[in-house]
Amino acid sequence: MSRYKIVIDSCGEFSEEMKADGHFFHVPLTLDVDGYQIVDDETFDQTDFLQRVKRSTHGPKSSCPSPESYMKMYEGKEEHVYVVTLSEKLSGSYNSAVLAADLYKEEHEDNKQIHVFNSKSASIGETLIGIRIQELEESGASFEKIVEEGEKYVSSMNTFFVLETLETLRKAGRLSNLKAFVASTLNIKPVMGATDEGTIQQLGQARGMKKALSKMVDTMVKATKNCENKILAISHCNCPERAQAVKEMIEKLVKFKKIIILNTRGVSTMYANEGGIIIAV
């Protein structure tokens, strides 16, 4: 029997290793395109979703998992449950998971220990936090030590992204209208990133995707210390060649312990749109 489980909301991508591992579980968000509901689970069809979004007049929306869906995940024999959610500033997922943990403790007499991490990130950032928690668990660290080290990791992590279009972020109220308009008219691609609080900020900009990706990589390298001891993760929205090019760009400049590339799941696909690239380290 496993001593622990790691629950990640469906904005976080799983590698094939994580899917096969048995310790990692997804709690799905729900996506809505003009009234058509899509559960962001293993049935998510990225191609179909992107086509629906292109045809959509209002743009897609997402809703966070209910406390009940988190509570179901807290059931089971595992003594330690770690939850990683989208940034609290971007979604209600964190509050939902925390409420579920409080309700679970009220209703159960067991000594299960539950901790919810606010990733202050999204997508591949959540994935990296999950991987770090597993490393700590497998090293035999105590629950308290894992929570402490996990929170330190969250604080030290950086997330960067460049998107083909900021339209979905703008419609969702994550950006000012002006920035999105200027970007689309002049082919200016902003280099975006997460703030320490987990909101979105603009870090720079460049004309055209290639230059913007190069600027993003340079920004990441300047902000990252001890690269050789760190895992870097890249997620892409239906553009594997672009992700591979970013990986090669990074490898020319600096050496990481490992670089993983994953395709975006539903929520990340919704915000990144086709051609978007996200990196976290």
Protein backbone atom coordinates (compact mmCIF):
# COMPACT_ATOMS: atom_id res chain seq x y z
CA MET A 1 0.00 0.00 0.00
CA SER A 2 1.20 3.47 -0.83
CA ARG A 3 1.97 5.87 2.00
CA TYR A 4 1.11 8.95 -0.05
CA LYS A 5 -0.80 10.37 -2.99
CA ILE A 6 -0.25 13.56 -4.98
CA VAL A 7 -3.40 15.23 -6.31
CA ILE A 8 -3.00 17.87 -9.03
CA ASP A 9 -5.81 19.83 -10.64
CA SER A 10 -6.10 19.24 -14.36
CA CYS A 11 -4.24 22.41 -15.32
CA GLY A 12 -1.06 20.47 -14.45
CA GLU A 13 0.21 18.09 -17.14
CA PHE A 14 1.28 14.49 -16.38
CA SER A 15 4.17 12.78 -18.13
CA GLU A 16 3.74 9.14 -19.17
CA GLU A 17 5.89 8.17 -16.14
CA MET A 18 3.57 10.07 -13.80
CA LYS A 19 0.47 8.45 -15.37
CA ALA A 20 1.95 4.98 -14.84
CA ASP A 21 3.34 5.72 -11.38
CA GLY A 22 0.22 5.17 -9.26
CA HIS A 23 0.85 8.08 -6.86
CA PHE A 24 -0.44 10.89 -9.06
CA PHE A 25 -4.13 11.77 -9.49
CA HIS A 26 -5.92 14.50 -11.43
CA VAL A 27 -8.99 16.43 -10.30
CA PRO A 28 -10.58 17.83 -13.48
CA LEU A 29 -11.71 21.36 -14.11
CA THR A 30 -14.62 21.83 -16.52
CA LEU A 31 -14.37 23.82 -19.74
CA ASP A 32 -17.26 25.54 -21.47
CA VAL A 33 -17.36 26.67 -25.11
CA ASP A 34 -20.64 28.42 -25.97
CA GLY A 35 -22.56 26.18 -23.58
CA TYR A 36 -20.82 22.95 -24.62
CA GLN A 37 -19.29 21.35 -21.50
CA ILE A 38 -15.96 19.51 -21.61
CA VAL A 39 -14.51 17.71 -18.60
CA ASP A 40 -10.74 18.14 -18.53
CA ASP A 41 -9.91 14.49 -17.92
CA GLU A 42 -8.42 11.65 -19.99
CA THR A 43 -11.22 12.08 -22.55
CA PHE A 44 -10.07 15.64 -23.42
CA ASP A 45 -9.66 16.00 -27.19
CA GLN A 46 -7.30 18.90 -27.86
CA THR A 47 -7.94 19.08 -31.64
CA ASP A 48 -11.72 19.15 -31.20
CA PHE A 49 -11.45 21.73 -28.42
CA LEU A 50 -9.19 24.07 -30.44
CA GLN A 51 -11.62 23.90 -33.39
CA ARG A 52 -14.56 24.72 -31.11
CA VAL A 53 -12.66 27.69 -29.68
CA LYS A 54 -11.86 29.00 -33.18
CA ARG A 55 -15.59 28.91 -34.07
CA SER A 56 -16.67 30.38 -30.73
CA THR A 57 -18.08 33.88 -30.54
CA HIS A 58 -17.74 34.33 -26.75
CA GLY A 59 -14.55 32.40 -26.08
CA PRO A 60 -14.08 29.48 -23.66
CA LYS A 61 -14.51 29.55 -19.91
CA SER A 62 -13.44 27.19 -17.16
CA SER A 63 -14.85 26.29 -13.76
CA CYS A 64 -12.82 24.90 -10.88
CA PRO A 65 -13.35 21.50 -9.25
CA SER A 66 -15.95 21.32 -6.50
CA PRO A 67 -14.91 20.65 -2.87
CA GLU A 68 -16.75 17.29 -3.23
CA SER A 69 -14.49 16.19 -6.09
CA TYR A 70 -11.43 16.99 -3.96
CA MET A 71 -12.92 15.21 -0.94
CA LYS A 72 -13.33 12.02 -2.98
CA MET A 73 -9.60 12.20 -3.74
CA TYR A 74 -8.78 12.48 -0.04
CA GLU A 75 -10.45 9.11 0.60
CA GLY A 76 -8.27 6.02 0.64
CA LYS A 77 -5.63 4.38 2.80
CA GLU A 78 -2.81 6.86 2.11
CA GLU A 79 -1.54 8.64 5.24
CA HIS A 80 -0.21 11.67 3.37
CA VAL A 81 -2.14 13.61 0.72
CA TYR A 82 -0.49 16.48 -1.13
CA VAL A 83 -2.57 18.71 -3.38
CA VAL A 84 -1.17 21.07 -6.02
CA THR A 85 -3.51 23.62 -7.56
CA LEU A 86 -3.48 26.45 -10.06
CA SER A 87 -2.43 29.80 -8.62
CA GLU A 88 -5.01 31.03 -6.11
CA LYS A 89 -4.96 34.36 -8.01
CA LEU A 90 -6.08 32.69 -11.26
CA SER A 91 -8.66 30.11 -10.11
CA GLY A 92 -10.90 29.00 -7.26
CA SER A 93 -9.26 25.56 -7.34
CA TYR A 94 -7.00 26.26 -4.34
CA ASN A 95 -9.86 27.48 -2.12
CA SER A 96 -11.96 24.50 -3.17
CA ALA A 97 -9.17 22.07 -2.19
CA VAL A 98 -8.59 23.80 1.16
CA LEU A 99 -12.31 23.76 1.98
CA ALA A 100 -12.43 20.07 1.07
CA ALA A 101 -9.49 19.35 3.42
CA ASP A 102 -11.29 21.13 6.30
CA LEU A 103 -14.53 19.23 5.59
CA TYR A 104 -12.66 15.91 5.36
CA LYS A 105 -11.03 16.44 8.76
CA GLU A 106 -14.40 17.32 10.31
CA GLU A 107 -16.03 14.16 8.96
CA HIS A 108 -13.21 11.63 9.51
CA GLU A 109 -11.47 10.43 12.63
CA ASP A 110 -8.40 9.11 10.81
CA ASN A 111 -4.96 10.68 11.19
CA LYS A 112 -4.60 11.45 7.50
CA GLN A 113 -2.38 14.46 6.85
CA ILE A 114 -3.41 16.74 3.97
CA HIS A 115 -1.58 19.78 2.63
CA VAL A 116 -2.70 22.00 -0.26
CA PHE A 117 0.02 23.82 -2.20
CA ASN A 118 -0.93 27.03 -3.99
CA SER A 119 1.41 26.60 -6.97
CA LYS A 120 1.42 30.37 -7.71
CA SER A 121 1.85 29.00 -11.23
CA ALA A 122 -0.10 26.84 -13.68
CA SER A 123 0.38 24.06 -16.20
CA ILE A 124 3.88 22.61 -16.16
CA GLY A 125 4.68 24.55 -12.96
CA GLU A 126 2.20 22.35 -11.10
CA THR A 127 3.82 19.28 -12.68
CA LEU A 128 7.25 20.22 -11.33
CA ILE A 129 5.90 20.76 -7.81
CA GLY A 130 4.32 17.27 -7.94
CA ILE A 131 7.64 15.74 -9.06
CA ARG A 132 9.50 17.53 -6.25
CA ILE A 133 7.01 16.30 -3.63
CA GLN A 134 7.51 12.74 -4.84
CA GLU A 135 11.32 13.08 -4.63
CA LEU A 136 10.96 14.20 -1.01
CA GLU A 137 8.51 11.39 -0.15
CA GLU A 138 10.76 8.76 -1.73
CA SER A 139 13.72 10.11 0.26
CA GLY A 140 11.82 9.18 3.44
CA ALA A 141 11.32 12.76 4.71
CA SER A 142 8.56 13.43 7.24
CA PHE A 143 5.24 15.00 6.17
CA GLU A 144 6.18 18.26 7.92
CA LYS A 145 9.58 18.39 6.23
CA ILE A 146 8.00 17.69 2.81
CA VAL A 147 5.49 20.51 3.29
CA GLU A 148 8.26 22.89 4.35
CA GLU A 149 10.58 21.95 1.46
CA GLY A 150 7.66 21.87 -0.99
CA GLU A 151 6.65 25.43 -0.07
CA LYS A 152 10.27 26.55 -0.46
CA TYR A 153 10.31 24.99 -3.93
CA VAL A 154 7.09 26.84 -4.88
CA SER A 155 8.69 30.13 -3.78
CA SER A 156 11.88 29.48 -5.76
CA MET A 157 10.16 28.40 -8.98
CA ASN A 158 9.66 30.67 -12.01
CA THR A 159 7.14 30.32 -14.84
CA PHE A 160 7.45 32.04 -18.23
CA PHE A 161 5.32 31.93 -21.37
CA VAL A 162 4.88 33.29 -24.89
CA LEU A 163 1.54 32.89 -26.66
CA GLU A 164 0.42 33.38 -30.26
CA THR A 165 -2.61 35.25 -28.97
CA LEU A 166 -3.56 36.79 -25.62
CA GLU A 167 -7.26 36.80 -26.54
CA THR A 168 -8.42 34.17 -24.02
CA LEU A 169 -6.46 35.76 -21.18
CA ARG A 170 -7.91 39.14 -22.10
CA LYS A 171 -11.49 37.82 -22.27
CA ALA A 172 -11.00 36.15 -18.89
CA GLY A 173 -9.95 39.50 -17.41
CA ARG A 174 -6.32 38.48 -16.85
CA LEU A 175 -4.88 41.33 -18.99
CA SER A 176 -5.80 44.86 -19.95
CA ASN A 177 -7.56 45.18 -23.30
CA LEU A 178 -4.89 47.52 -24.60
CA LYS A 179 -1.98 45.09 -24.26
CA ALA A 180 -3.82 42.36 -26.13
CA PHE A 181 -4.83 44.81 -28.89
CA VAL A 182 -1.32 46.24 -29.40
CA ALA A 183 0.20 42.78 -29.41
CA SER A 184 -2.10 41.44 -32.11
CA THR A 185 -1.87 44.48 -34.39
CA LEU A 186 1.89 44.92 -34.53
CA ASN A 187 2.82 41.22 -34.22
CA ILE A 188 4.40 42.12 -30.88
CA LYS A 189 4.68 39.02 -28.73
CA PRO A 190 4.91 39.82 -25.03
CA VAL A 191 7.09 37.61 -22.84
CA MET A 192 4.93 36.88 -19.80
CA GLY A 193 5.62 35.33 -16.43
CA ALA A 194 4.20 34.66 -12.99
CA THR A 195 4.68 37.18 -10.18
CA ASP A 196 5.69 36.04 -6.68
CA GLU A 197 2.01 36.21 -5.72
CA GLY A 198 0.93 34.09 -8.69
CA THR A 199 -0.57 36.73 -10.97
CA ILE A 200 0.58 37.38 -14.57
CA GLN A 201 3.10 40.06 -15.50
CA GLN A 202 4.77 41.18 -18.70
CA LEU A 203 8.55 40.72 -18.59
CA GLY A 204 9.42 41.98 -22.06
CA GLN A 205 8.34 41.84 -25.68
CA ALA A 206 9.67 41.21 -29.16
CA ARG A 207 8.40 41.37 -32.72
CA GLY A 208 7.53 37.89 -33.94
CA MET A 209 7.41 34.55 -32.19
CA LYS A 210 11.01 33.48 -32.77
CA LYS A 211 12.50 36.59 -31.16
CA ALA A 212 10.00 36.43 -28.29
CA LEU A 213 10.92 32.81 -27.52
CA SER A 214 14.60 33.73 -27.60
CA LYS A 215 13.94 36.63 -25.21
CA MET A 216 11.96 34.31 -22.90
CA VAL A 217 14.86 31.83 -22.79
CA ASP A 218 17.35 34.63 -22.02
CA THR A 219 15.08 35.94 -19.26
CA MET A 220 14.77 32.44 -17.77
CA VAL A 221 18.55 31.83 -17.85
CA LYS A 222 19.25 35.15 -16.07
CA ALA A 223 16.69 34.31 -13.37
CA THR A 224 17.82 30.71 -12.74
CA LYS A 225 20.70 29.60 -10.52
CA ASN A 226 22.19 26.10 -10.12
CA CYS A 227 20.65 24.94 -13.40
CA GLU A 228 22.58 21.65 -13.40
CA ASN A 229 20.67 20.57 -10.26
CA LYS A 230 17.23 21.51 -11.59
CA ILE A 231 14.56 20.01 -13.82
CA LEU A 232 13.16 22.39 -16.44
CA ALA A 233 9.78 21.69 -17.97
CA ILE A 234 8.27 22.91 -21.23
CA SER A 235 4.61 22.60 -22.16
CA HIS A 236 3.32 23.42 -25.61
CA CYS A 237 -0.12 23.78 -27.11
CA ASN A 238 -0.08 21.52 -30.16
CA CYS A 239 3.36 22.69 -31.37
CA PRO A 240 5.93 19.98 -30.54
CA GLU A 241 8.51 21.27 -33.05
CA ARG A 242 8.45 24.72 -31.43
CA ALA A 243 8.89 23.16 -27.98
CA GLN A 244 11.83 21.13 -29.26
CA ALA A 245 13.39 24.29 -30.74
CA VAL A 246 13.06 26.02 -27.34
CA LYS A 247 14.71 23.01 -25.64
CA GLU A 248 17.63 23.20 -28.09
CA MET A 249 17.90 26.97 -27.55
CA ILE A 250 18.15 26.38 -23.79
CA GLU A 251 20.70 23.56 -24.15
CA LYS A 252 23.03 25.84 -26.13
CA LEU A 253 23.11 28.29 -23.22
CA VAL A 254 22.98 26.19 -20.07
CA LYS A 255 22.85 22.61 -18.78
CA PHE A 256 19.90 21.36 -16.73
CA LYS A 257 19.65 18.08 -14.82
CA LYS A 258 16.70 17.17 -17.04
CA ILE A 259 14.33 18.86 -19.51
CA ILE A 260 10.83 17.46 -20.01
CA ILE A 261 8.38 18.44 -22.76
CA LEU A 262 4.62 17.85 -22.47
CA ASN A 263 1.55 18.81 -24.49
CA THR A 264 -0.94 21.04 -22.64
CA ARG A 265 -4.05 19.59 -21.05
CA GLY A 266 -7.45 21.24 -21.37
CA VAL A 267 -7.19 24.28 -19.08
CA SER A 268 -3.68 25.15 -20.26
CA THR A 269 -4.80 24.63 -23.87
CA MET A 270 -7.67 27.05 -23.26
CA TYR A 271 -5.38 29.85 -22.03
CA ALA A 272 -2.29 29.13 -24.15
CA ASN A 273 -4.17 28.65 -27.45
CA GLU A 274 -2.54 26.88 -30.36
CA GLY A 275 1.19 27.60 -30.60
CA GLY A 276 1.66 28.72 -27.00
CA ILE A 277 4.82 27.77 -25.07
CA ILE A 278 5.18 27.68 -21.28
CA ILE A 279 8.38 26.96 -19.34
CA ALA A 280 8.83 26.44 -15.62
CA VAL A 281 11.93 25.84 -13.56
